[in-house]
């Protein structure tokens, strides 16, 4: 069963929702109200990736924009409306 938690690094970067799948995998979601997303929006997810190493399965920034995009190493920007509209 997945165990949802929040992540905050000592330097203040965070991930809004971290889902742990036992001791084997970790994924994270950051939610932004902005209509654009940049590499900087992934700082908290990258900190979590550093902290969890090979357990890190991927990260998503949900944002209020128009397009989906990859940001390397299992990191993706996904439009919030994708939660209820077909893509």
Protein backbone atom coordinates (compact mmCIF):
# COMPACT_ATOMS: atom_id res chain seq x y z
CA UNK A 1 0.00 0.00 0.00
CA UNK A 2 1.24 3.51 -0.81
CA UNK A 3 2.10 5.84 2.04
CA UNK A 4 1.62 9.55 1.18
CA UNK A 5 3.79 12.12 2.99
CA UNK A 6 5.22 15.63 2.53
CA UNK A 7 8.92 16.36 1.93
CA UNK A 8 10.84 19.45 3.00
CA UNK A 9 14.63 19.70 2.67
CA UNK A 10 16.72 21.63 5.18
CA UNK A 11 17.19 24.40 2.62
CA UNK A 12 13.41 24.87 2.36
CA UNK A 13 12.76 23.17 -0.96
CA UNK A 14 9.78 20.84 -0.83
CA UNK A 15 7.49 18.42 -2.60
CA UNK A 16 3.79 18.71 -1.84
CA UNK A 17 2.98 15.01 -2.04
CA UNK A 18 5.41 12.12 -1.76
CA UNK A 19 4.11 8.61 -2.30
CA UNK A 20 6.23 5.80 -0.96
CA UNK A 21 5.66 2.27 -2.14
CA UNK A 22 7.13 0.32 0.71
CA UNK A 23 10.90 0.49 0.80
CA UNK A 24 11.28 0.12 -2.96
CA UNK A 25 9.95 3.23 -4.72
CA UNK A 26 9.23 6.92 -4.18
CA UNK A 27 7.35 9.31 -6.47
CA UNK A 28 6.46 12.95 -5.86
CA UNK A 29 4.09 15.68 -6.99
CA UNK A 30 4.52 19.44 -6.71
CA UNK A 31 1.45 21.61 -7.40
CA UNK A 32 1.83 25.11 -8.85
CA UNK A 33 -0.89 27.63 -9.65
CA UNK A 34 1.32 29.27 -12.29
CA UNK A 35 0.57 29.09 -16.02
CA UNK A 36 4.22 28.41 -16.82
CA UNK A 37 6.73 25.98 -15.39
CA UNK A 38 10.52 26.19 -15.35
CA UNK A 39 13.39 23.97 -14.29
CA UNK A 40 13.45 25.85 -10.97
CA UNK A 41 9.98 24.48 -10.14
CA UNK A 42 11.56 21.04 -9.88
CA UNK A 43 14.09 21.94 -7.15
CA UNK A 44 12.17 20.22 -4.37
CA UNK A 45 11.65 17.12 -6.49
CA UNK A 46 15.35 17.00 -7.34
CA UNK A 47 16.26 17.33 -3.65
CA UNK A 48 14.00 14.37 -2.95
CA UNK A 49 15.63 12.48 -5.82
CA UNK A 50 19.06 13.12 -4.25
CA UNK A 51 17.80 11.99 -0.84
CA UNK A 52 16.19 8.77 -2.06
CA UNK A 53 18.65 7.74 -4.76
CA UNK A 54 17.66 4.67 -6.78
CA UNK A 55 14.29 4.48 -4.99
CA UNK A 56 13.16 7.64 -6.82
CA UNK A 57 10.70 6.62 -9.55
CA UNK A 58 9.82 10.10 -10.84
CA UNK A 59 8.37 13.51 -10.17
CA UNK A 60 5.56 15.60 -11.58
CA UNK A 61 4.85 19.31 -11.37
CA UNK A 62 1.13 19.88 -11.87
CA UNK A 63 0.53 23.40 -13.18
CA UNK A 64 -2.18 25.57 -14.72
CA UNK A 65 -0.66 25.73 -18.20
CA UNK A 66 -1.33 24.35 -21.64
CA UNK A 67 1.31 21.73 -22.46
CA UNK A 68 2.97 18.66 -21.00
CA UNK A 69 6.75 18.61 -21.03
CA UNK A 70 9.64 16.46 -19.91
CA UNK A 71 12.31 17.98 -17.70
CA UNK A 72 14.78 15.08 -17.77
CA UNK A 73 15.49 12.18 -15.41
CA UNK A 74 11.88 11.13 -14.83
CA UNK A 75 10.63 14.69 -14.25
CA UNK A 76 7.51 15.93 -16.02
CA UNK A 77 5.33 19.03 -16.11
CA UNK A 78 1.68 18.03 -16.45
CA UNK A 79 -1.29 20.37 -16.84
CA UNK A 80 -3.71 20.21 -13.92
CA UNK A 81 -6.70 19.73 -16.20
CA UNK A 82 -5.21 16.37 -17.23
CA UNK A 83 -6.73 15.05 -14.01
CA UNK A 84 -10.25 15.36 -15.41
CA UNK A 85 -9.94 15.90 -19.17
CA UNK A 86 -8.68 13.43 -21.77
CA UNK A 87 -5.37 14.47 -23.29
